[in-house]
C-alpha atoms as a PDB file:
ATOM      1  CA  MET A   1      -0.332   0.189   0.050  1.00  0.00           C
ATOM      2  CA  ASN A   2       1.495   3.429  -0.896  1.00  0.00           C
ATOM      3  CA  LEU A   3      -0.141   6.554   0.507  1.00  0.00           C
ATOM      4  CA  GLN A   4       1.920   8.862  -1.837  1.00  0.00           C
ATOM      5  CA  ALA A   5      -0.116  10.554  -4.574  1.00  0.00           C
ATOM      6  CA  LEU A   6       1.413  10.902  -7.606  1.00  0.00           C
ATOM      7  CA  SER A   7       1.252  13.459 -10.167  1.00  0.00           C
ATOM      8  CA  ILE A   8       2.089  14.531 -13.755  1.00  0.00           C
ATOM      9  CA  ARG A   9       5.425  15.855 -13.429  1.00  0.00           C
ATOM     10  CA  ARG A  10       6.918  18.946 -15.769  1.00  0.00           C
ATOM     11  CA  THR A  11       9.861  17.545 -17.221  1.00  0.00           C
ATOM     12  CA  LEU A  12      13.644  18.563 -16.499  1.00  0.00           C
ATOM     13  CA  PRO A  13      16.776  17.493 -18.408  1.00  0.00           C
ATOM     14  CA  LEU A  14      17.984  14.476 -17.999  1.00  0.00           C
ATOM     15  CA  ALA A  15      21.572  15.188 -16.272  1.00  0.00           C
ATOM     16  CA  LEU A  16      23.740  12.751 -18.318  1.00  0.00           C
ATOM     17  CA  ALA A  17      27.310  12.960 -16.915  1.00  0.00           C
ATOM     18  CA  LEU A  18      25.246  11.925 -13.295  1.00  0.00           C
ATOM     19  CA  PRO A  19      24.612   8.534 -13.744  1.00  0.00           C
ATOM     20  CA  LEU A  20      27.811   7.597 -15.323  1.00  0.00           C
ATOM     21  CA  CYS A  21      29.423   9.335 -11.781  1.00  0.00           C
ATOM     22  CA  LEU A  22      27.237   7.670  -9.927  1.00  0.00           C
ATOM     23  CA  ALA A  23      27.915   3.953 -11.938  1.00  0.00           C
ATOM     24  CA  LEU A  24      31.608   4.540 -11.519  1.00  0.00           C
ATOM     25  CA  ALA A  25      31.350   5.802  -8.074  1.00  0.00           C
ATOM     26  CA  PHE A  26      29.523   2.973  -6.974  1.00  0.00           C
ATOM     27  CA  CYS A  27      32.203   0.380  -8.658  1.00  0.00           C
ATOM     28  CA  LEU A  28      34.821   2.033  -6.848  1.00  0.00           C
ATOM     29  CA  VAL A  29      33.099   1.204  -3.218  1.00  0.00           C
ATOM     30  CA  ALA A  30      31.747  -2.142  -4.193  1.00  0.00           C
ATOM     31  CA  CYS A  31      35.493  -2.715  -4.636  1.00  0.00           C
ATOM     32  CA  LYS A  32      36.288  -1.948  -1.253  1.00  0.00           C
ATOM     33  CA  SER A  33      33.646  -3.457   0.595  1.00  0.00           C
ATOM     34  CA  SER A  34      34.206  -6.940   0.154  1.00  0.00           C
ATOM     35  CA  GLY A  35      36.870  -8.327   2.127  1.00  0.00           C
ATOM     36  CA  PRO A  36      39.305 -11.494   1.215  1.00  0.00           C
ATOM     37  CA  GLY A  37      36.866 -14.567   1.370  1.00  0.00           C
ATOM     38  CA  GLN A  38      33.702 -12.539   2.448  1.00  0.00           C
ATOM     39  CA  SER A  39      30.536 -13.142  -0.124  1.00  0.00           C
ATOM     40  CA  SER A  40      27.259 -11.132  -0.167  1.00  0.00           C
ATOM     41  CA  ALA A  41      25.734 -14.663   0.814  1.00  0.00           C
ATOM     42  CA  ASP A  42      28.082 -15.413   4.104  1.00  0.00           C
ATOM     43  CA  SER A  43      26.818 -11.947   5.640  1.00  0.00           C
ATOM     44  CA  ALA A  44      23.316 -12.065   4.588  1.00  0.00           C
ATOM     45  CA  HIS A  45      21.846 -13.409   7.663  1.00  0.00           C
ATOM     46  CA  PRO A  46      24.032 -11.787  10.311  1.00  0.00           C
ATOM     47  CA  SER A  47      23.624 -13.837  14.037  1.00  0.00           C
ATOM     48  CA  ALA A  48      23.470 -10.427  16.036  1.00  0.00           C
ATOM     49  CA  ALA A  49      20.331  -8.769  16.193  1.00  0.00           C
ATOM     50  CA  PRO A  50      19.908  -5.576  14.499  1.00  0.00           C
ATOM     51  CA  ALA A  51      21.166  -2.454  16.540  1.00  0.00           C
ATOM     52  CA  GLY A  52      18.374  -1.386  19.080  1.00  0.00           C
ATOM     53  CA  ILE A  53      16.636  -4.403  19.460  1.00  0.00           C
ATOM     54  CA  ASP A  54      16.862  -5.478  23.046  1.00  0.00           C
ATOM     55  CA  PRO A  55      16.315  -9.878  23.803  1.00  0.00           C
ATOM     56  CA  ARG A  56      13.168  -8.955  24.907  1.00  0.00           C
ATOM     57  CA  LEU A  57      12.136  -7.385  21.771  1.00  0.00           C
ATOM     58  CA  GLN A  58      14.152  -9.852  19.588  1.00  0.00           C
ATOM     59  CA  SER A  59      11.946 -12.762  21.242  1.00  0.00           C
ATOM     60  CA  GLN A  60       8.873 -10.902  20.936  1.00  0.00           C
ATOM     61  CA  LEU A  61       9.666 -10.893  17.195  1.00  0.00           C
ATOM     62  CA  ALA A  62      10.652 -14.344  16.245  1.00  0.00           C
ATOM     63  CA  ALA A  63       7.398 -15.132  18.419  1.00  0.00           C
ATOM     64  CA  ALA A  64       5.045 -13.420  15.672  1.00  0.00           C
ATOM     65  CA  SER A  65       2.514 -15.283  13.977  1.00  0.00           C
ATOM     66  CA  GLY A  66       0.111 -14.774  11.302  1.00  0.00           C
ATOM     67  CA  PHE A  67       1.981 -13.476   8.589  1.00  0.00           C
ATOM     68  CA  ASP A  68       5.401 -14.744   6.712  1.00  0.00           C
ATOM     69  CA  TYR A  69       7.919 -11.885   6.963  1.00  0.00           C
ATOM     70  CA  TYR A  70       8.134  -7.739   6.427  1.00  0.00           C
ATOM     71  CA  LEU A  71       8.574  -5.445   3.926  1.00  0.00           C
ATOM     72  CA  LEU A  72      10.391  -2.481   4.912  1.00  0.00           C
ATOM     73  CA  ASN A  73       9.396   0.440   2.677  1.00  0.00           C
ATOM     74  CA  LEU A  74      11.631   3.417   2.215  1.00  0.00           C
ATOM     75  CA  SER A  75      10.052   6.496   0.454  1.00  0.00           C
ATOM     76  CA  TRP A  76      11.575   8.520  -1.694  1.00  0.00           C
ATOM     77  CA  SER A  77      11.085  11.789   0.123  1.00  0.00           C
ATOM     78  CA  PRO A  78      11.762  14.515  -2.873  1.00  0.00           C
ATOM     79  CA  GLU A  79       8.787  12.514  -4.948  1.00  0.00           C
ATOM     80  CA  PHE A  80       6.069  12.673  -2.229  1.00  0.00           C
ATOM     81  CA  CYS A  81       7.411  16.329  -1.092  1.00  0.00           C
ATOM     82  CA  HIS A  82       6.433  17.758  -4.988  1.00  0.00           C
ATOM     83  CA  GLY A  83       2.909  16.791  -4.415  1.00  0.00           C
ATOM     84  CA  HIS A  84       2.800  17.597  -0.830  1.00  0.00           C
ATOM     85  CA  PRO A  85       4.982  19.984   0.143  1.00  0.00           C
ATOM     86  CA  ASP A  86       3.221  21.281   3.494  1.00  0.00           C
ATOM     87  CA  ALA A  87       4.165  17.570   5.033  1.00  0.00           C
ATOM     88  CA  PRO A  88       6.014  17.543   8.304  1.00  0.00           C
ATOM     89  CA  GLU A  89       8.752  15.211   6.457  1.00  0.00           C
ATOM     90  CA  CYS A  90       9.186  18.142   3.887  1.00  0.00           C
ATOM     91  CA  ALA A  91      10.275  20.436   6.077  1.00  0.00           C
ATOM     92  CA  ASN A  92      13.705  18.166   6.343  1.00  0.00           C
ATOM     93  CA  HIS A  93      14.778  18.219   2.669  1.00  0.00           C
ATOM     94  CA  SER A  94      15.311  14.160   3.722  1.00  0.00           C
ATOM     95  CA  THR A  95      15.883  11.466   1.051  1.00  0.00           C
ATOM     96  CA  PHE A  96      14.379   8.100   1.485  1.00  0.00           C
ATOM     97  CA  VAL A  97      12.568   8.152   4.644  1.00  0.00           C
ATOM     98  CA  LEU A  98      10.532   5.579   6.098  1.00  0.00           C
ATOM     99  CA  HIS A  99       6.774   5.199   5.230  1.00  0.00           C
ATOM    100  CA  GLY A 100       6.008   1.472   7.118  1.00  0.00           C
ATOM    101  CA  LEU A 101       7.670  -2.190   8.369  1.00  0.00           C
ATOM    102  CA  TRP A 102       4.926  -4.159   6.667  1.00  0.00           C
ATOM    103  CA  PRO A 103       3.954  -7.710   7.477  1.00  0.00           C
ATOM    104  CA  GLN A 104       3.823 -10.014   4.433  1.00  0.00           C
ATOM    105  CA  ASN A 105       2.756 -13.545   3.114  1.00  0.00           C
ATOM    106  CA  ASN A 106       4.156 -15.412   0.992  1.00  0.00           C
ATOM    107  CA  ASP A 107       1.455 -16.275  -1.484  1.00  0.00           C
ATOM    108  CA  GLY A 108       2.032 -11.819  -2.171  1.00  0.00           C
ATOM    109  CA  GLY A 109      -0.671 -11.074   0.417  1.00  0.00           C
ATOM    110  CA  TYR A 110      -0.718  -9.003   3.297  1.00  0.00           C
ATOM    111  CA  PRO A 111      -3.005  -8.687   6.554  1.00  0.00           C
ATOM    112  CA  GLU A 112      -4.072  -5.400   7.389  1.00  0.00           C
ATOM    113  CA  ASN A 113      -6.382  -4.026  10.223  1.00  0.00           C
ATOM    114  CA  CYS A 114      -6.157  -6.581  12.410  1.00  0.00           C
ATOM    115  CA  ALA A 115      -7.423  -4.935  15.709  1.00  0.00           C
ATOM    116  CA  ASP A 116      -8.139  -1.987  17.606  1.00  0.00           C
ATOM    117  CA  ALA A 117      -5.611  -2.000  19.660  1.00  0.00           C
ATOM    118  CA  PRO A 118      -4.196   1.195  21.017  1.00  0.00           C
ATOM    119  CA  GLY A 119      -1.359   3.247  19.227  1.00  0.00           C
ATOM    120  CA  PRO A 120       1.850   4.458  21.007  1.00  0.00           C
ATOM    121  CA  SER A 121       1.512   5.770  24.444  1.00  0.00           C
ATOM    122  CA  ASP A 122       4.164   8.971  23.444  1.00  0.00           C
ATOM    123  CA  PRO A 123       3.751   9.229  19.819  1.00  0.00           C
ATOM    124  CA  SER A 124       6.099  11.983  20.270  1.00  0.00           C
ATOM    125  CA  ALA A 125       8.844   9.371  20.960  1.00  0.00           C
ATOM    126  CA  PHE A 126       8.653   8.506  17.375  1.00  0.00           C
ATOM    127  CA  ALA A 127       9.200  11.308  15.591  1.00  0.00           C
ATOM    128  CA  ASP A 128      12.342  10.982  14.624  1.00  0.00           C
ATOM    129  CA  ILE A 129      11.258   8.054  12.323  1.00  0.00           C
ATOM    130  CA  TYR A 130       7.269   9.735  11.854  1.00  0.00           C
ATOM    131  CA  PRO A 131       7.354  13.402  11.928  1.00  0.00           C
ATOM    132  CA  ASP A 132       3.718  13.161  10.775  1.00  0.00           C
ATOM    133  CA  ALA A 133       1.481  11.606  13.946  1.00  0.00           C
ATOM    134  CA  GLY A 134      -1.088  10.680  11.350  1.00  0.00           C
ATOM    135  CA  LEU A 135       0.965   8.846   9.177  1.00  0.00           C
ATOM    136  CA  LEU A 136       2.511   6.873  12.306  1.00  0.00           C
ATOM    137  CA  GLN A 137      -1.189   6.262  13.195  1.00  0.00           C
ATOM    138  CA  HIS A 138      -2.242   5.021   9.658  1.00  0.00           C
ATOM    139  CA  GLU A 139       0.733   2.920   9.833  1.00  0.00           C
ATOM    140  CA  TRP A 140       0.292   0.823  13.787  1.00  0.00           C
ATOM    141  CA  HIS A 141      -3.941   0.601  12.802  1.00  0.00           C
ATOM    142  CA  THR A 142      -3.233  -0.457   9.096  1.00  0.00           C
ATOM    143  CA  HIS A 143       0.130  -2.589   9.607  1.00  0.00           C
ATOM    144  CA  GLY A 144       1.021  -2.867  13.067  1.00  0.00           C
ATOM    145  CA  THR A 145      -1.319  -4.174  14.158  1.00  0.00           C
ATOM    146  CA  CYS A 146      -1.046  -7.534  12.371  1.00  0.00           C
ATOM    147  CA  SER A 147       2.420  -7.823  13.966  1.00  0.00           C
ATOM    148  CA  GLY A 148       1.908  -9.341  17.249  1.00  0.00           C
ATOM    149  CA  LEU A 149       3.770  -6.622  18.809  1.00  0.00           C
ATOM    150  CA  SER A 150       2.550  -3.662  20.954  1.00  0.00           C
ATOM    151  CA  ALA A 151       3.011  -0.421  19.276  1.00  0.00           C
ATOM    152  CA  ASN A 152       5.781   0.607  21.402  1.00  0.00           C
ATOM    153  CA  ASP A 153       7.277  -2.624  20.090  1.00  0.00           C
ATOM    154  CA  PHE A 154       6.569  -2.291  16.423  1.00  0.00           C
ATOM    155  CA  PHE A 155       7.814   1.029  16.574  1.00  0.00           C
ATOM    156  CA  SER A 156      10.758   0.422  17.880  1.00  0.00           C
ATOM    157  CA  ALA A 157      11.343  -2.663  15.691  1.00  0.00           C
ATOM    158  CA  ALA A 158      10.623  -0.623  12.449  1.00  0.00           C
ATOM    159  CA  ARG A 159      13.493   2.254  13.796  1.00  0.00           C
ATOM    160  CA  ALA A 160      16.091  -0.459  14.359  1.00  0.00           C
ATOM    161  CA  ALA A 161      15.205  -1.974  10.822  1.00  0.00           C
ATOM    162  CA  VAL A 162      15.508   1.703   8.615  1.00  0.00           C
ATOM    163  CA  ARG A 163      18.557   2.525  11.425  1.00  0.00           C
ATOM    164  CA  GLU A 164      20.033  -1.051   9.635  1.00  0.00           C
ATOM    165  CA  VAL A 165      19.779   0.488   5.977  1.00  0.00           C
ATOM    166  CA  ALA A 166      22.477   3.001   4.616  1.00  0.00           C
ATOM    167  CA  ILE A 167      21.468   5.231   2.193  1.00  0.00           C
ATOM    168  CA  PRO A 168      23.943   5.674  -0.772  1.00  0.00           C
ATOM    169  CA  THR A 169      26.143   8.341  -0.551  1.00  0.00           C
ATOM    170  CA  ALA A 170      25.547   9.213  -3.897  1.00  0.00           C
ATOM    171  CA  PHE A 171      21.696   9.637  -3.528  1.00  0.00           C
ATOM    172  CA  ASN A 172      22.433  11.866   0.192  1.00  0.00           C
ATOM    173  CA  ASN A 173      24.211  14.000  -2.380  1.00  0.00           C
ATOM    174  CA  LEU A 174      21.967  14.985  -5.252  1.00  0.00           C
ATOM    175  CA  ASP A 175      21.794  18.525  -5.924  1.00  0.00           C
ATOM    176  CA  HIS A 176      19.738  18.002  -9.682  1.00  0.00           C
ATOM    177  CA  GLN A 177      17.290  15.797 -11.173  1.00  0.00           C
ATOM    178  CA  THR A 178      19.118  12.591 -12.545  1.00  0.00           C
ATOM    179  CA  SER A 179      17.666   9.122 -14.231  1.00  0.00           C
ATOM    180  CA  MET A 180      18.828   5.652 -13.566  1.00  0.00           C
ATOM    181  CA  THR A 181      17.854   2.155 -14.339  1.00  0.00           C
ATOM    182  CA  PRO A 182      15.852   0.246 -11.723  1.00  0.00           C
ATOM    183  CA  ASP A 183      18.994  -2.163 -11.568  1.00  0.00           C
ATOM    184  CA  ASP A 184      21.364   0.581 -11.072  1.00  0.00           C
ATOM    185  CA  ILE A 185      19.637   2.343  -8.041  1.00  0.00           C
ATOM    186  CA  LEU A 186      18.886  -1.474  -6.113  1.00  0.00           C
ATOM    187  CA  SER A 187      22.328  -2.272  -7.112  1.00  0.00           C
ATOM    188  CA  SER A 188      23.752   1.091  -5.015  1.00  0.00           C
ATOM    189  CA  PHE A 189      21.979  -0.159  -2.234  1.00  0.00           C
ATOM    190  CA  THR A 190      24.094  -3.554  -2.253  1.00  0.00           C
ATOM    191  CA  VAL A 191      27.081  -1.685  -2.596  1.00  0.00           C
ATOM    192  CA  ALA A 192      26.632   0.718   0.437  1.00  0.00           C
ATOM    193  CA  ASN A 193      25.311  -2.675   2.394  1.00  0.00           C
ATOM    194  CA  PRO A 194      27.110  -5.505   1.710  1.00  0.00           C
ATOM    195  CA  THR A 195      25.045  -7.335   4.317  1.00  0.00           C
ATOM    196  CA  ILE A 196      21.610  -6.805   1.687  1.00  0.00           C
ATOM    197  CA  PRO A 197      21.686  -9.371  -1.021  1.00  0.00           C
ATOM    198  CA  ARG A 198      20.194  -8.140  -4.347  1.00  0.00           C
ATOM    199  CA  ALA A 199      17.189 -10.468  -3.646  1.00  0.00           C
ATOM    200  CA  SER A 200      16.115  -9.200  -0.754  1.00  0.00           C
ATOM    201  CA  LEU A 201      15.022  -5.656  -2.716  1.00  0.00           C
ATOM    202  CA  ALA A 202      13.072  -3.973  -4.335  1.00  0.00           C
ATOM    203  CA  LEU A 203      11.806  -0.426  -6.174  1.00  0.00           C
ATOM    204  CA  SER A 204       8.647   0.917  -6.335  1.00  0.00           C
ATOM    205  CA  CYS A 205       8.500   3.415  -9.181  1.00  0.00           C
ATOM    206  CA  GLY A 206       5.085   5.728 -10.576  1.00  0.00           C
ATOM    207  CA  ASN A 207       5.149   7.890 -13.753  1.00  0.00           C
ATOM    208  CA  ASN A 208       8.751   6.630 -14.303  1.00  0.00           C
ATOM    209  CA  TYR A 209       9.687   8.311 -11.204  1.00  0.00           C
ATOM    210  CA  LEU A 210      11.153   6.993  -7.958  1.00  0.00           C
ATOM    211  CA  THR A 211       8.964   6.609  -4.859  1.00  0.00           C
ATOM    212  CA  ALA A 212      10.423   3.950  -3.032  1.00  0.00           C
ATOM    213  CA  VAL A 213      13.242   1.284  -2.160  1.00  0.00           C
ATOM    214  CA  GLU A 214      11.926  -1.514  -0.514  1.00  0.00           C
ATOM    215  CA  VAL A 215      14.133  -3.952   1.770  1.00  0.00           C
ATOM    216  CA  CYS A 216      12.382  -7.590   2.424  1.00  0.00           C
ATOM    217  CA  LEU A 217      13.227  -9.003   5.921  1.00  0.00           C
ATOM    218  CA  ASP A 218      12.476 -11.965   7.783  1.00  0.00           C
ATOM    219  CA  LYS A 219      10.837 -11.769  11.075  1.00  0.00           C
ATOM    220  CA  THR A 220      13.921 -10.925  13.238  1.00  0.00           C
ATOM    221  CA  LEU A 221      14.649  -8.564  10.826  1.00  0.00           C
ATOM    222  CA  HIS A 222      17.209  -9.888   8.629  1.00  0.00           C
ATOM    223  CA  PRO A 223      17.552 -10.084   5.351  1.00  0.00           C
ATOM    224  CA  ILE A 224      15.748 -12.527   3.089  1.00  0.00           C
ATOM    225  CA  ALA A 225      14.982 -13.185  -0.352  1.00  0.00           C
ATOM    226  CA  CYS A 226      11.343 -11.104  -1.505  1.00  0.00           C
ATOM    227  CA  GLY A 227       8.225 -13.455  -1.883  1.00  0.00           C
ATOM    228  CA  PRO A 228       6.015 -12.233  -5.192  1.00  0.00           C
ATOM    229  CA  ILE A 229       6.722  -8.410  -4.840  1.00  0.00           C
ATOM    230  CA  ARG A 230       5.968  -6.310  -7.809  1.00  0.00           C
ATOM    231  CA  SER A 231       9.262  -4.025  -8.631  1.00  0.00           C
ATOM    232  CA  CYS A 232       9.386  -1.235 -11.436  1.00  0.00           C
ATOM    233  CA  ARG A 233       9.666  -2.196 -14.826  1.00  0.00           C
ATOM    234  CA  ALA A 234      10.592   1.109 -15.891  1.00  0.00           C
ATOM    235  CA  ASN A 235      13.532   1.367 -18.538  1.00  0.00           C
ATOM    236  CA  ILE A 236      14.627   4.504 -16.960  1.00  0.00           C
ATOM    237  CA  VAL A 237      13.843   6.095 -13.697  1.00  0.00           C
ATOM    238  CA  ARG A 238      13.744   9.662 -12.969  1.00  0.00           C
ATOM    239  CA  ILE A 239      15.161  10.776  -9.342  1.00  0.00           C
ATOM    240  CA  PRO A 240      14.550  14.402  -8.321  1.00  0.00           C
ATOM    241  CA  PRO A 241      16.433  15.737  -5.766  1.00  0.00           C
ATOM    242  CA  PRO A 242      15.954  17.091  -2.427  1.00  0.00           C
ATOM    243  CA  ARG A 243      13.409  20.294  -2.418  1.00  0.00           C
END
């Protein structure tokens, strides 16, 4: 489920030099990322819990039932903010931001609106990941209630999951619109995150504009191969810069 309303965009000149520079930069980083005798497959399932997950919460995560895995959706904020300039997140001029941690099933379906349980006791405690309290409440009622966790535990897990994903430097430094292939975008994430295999990633786009990168995680928040999730099929994806 994607809340972002996509609008037809003005067409900006496509920057041809930057994609080449990005590709070269990603290749240089990739050469330095893999140590001798270590492959991405070797590190795809680290034994340690993600940072910020205490043993009690780790146990709660492992015991969850009613779904098969999580989909971590990282929204490309500049695209959302083009149509929603007054949204709270847009004041930060961010790049990728947390949209949601969504329970998913291996058959391609997903549970929604599973209970009427109350949201976080103090929503402001999660303002670092959800500056929009309305989105936080939506994510809890639509997705979090299907996790088997309390609201505070669910958002603590979401915070830990998003902090495990490094955003490629080239995206953080983007200062004008560029274009890349879907494969190049996702490859940049595997370079920046050697423990996340390519099979754990999917790309979301709308009207050939980047909208999100998604990471498939098991119930203890370790990367796994994605199920039948739709991924962007555009030949070229336009990437607007932070506003």
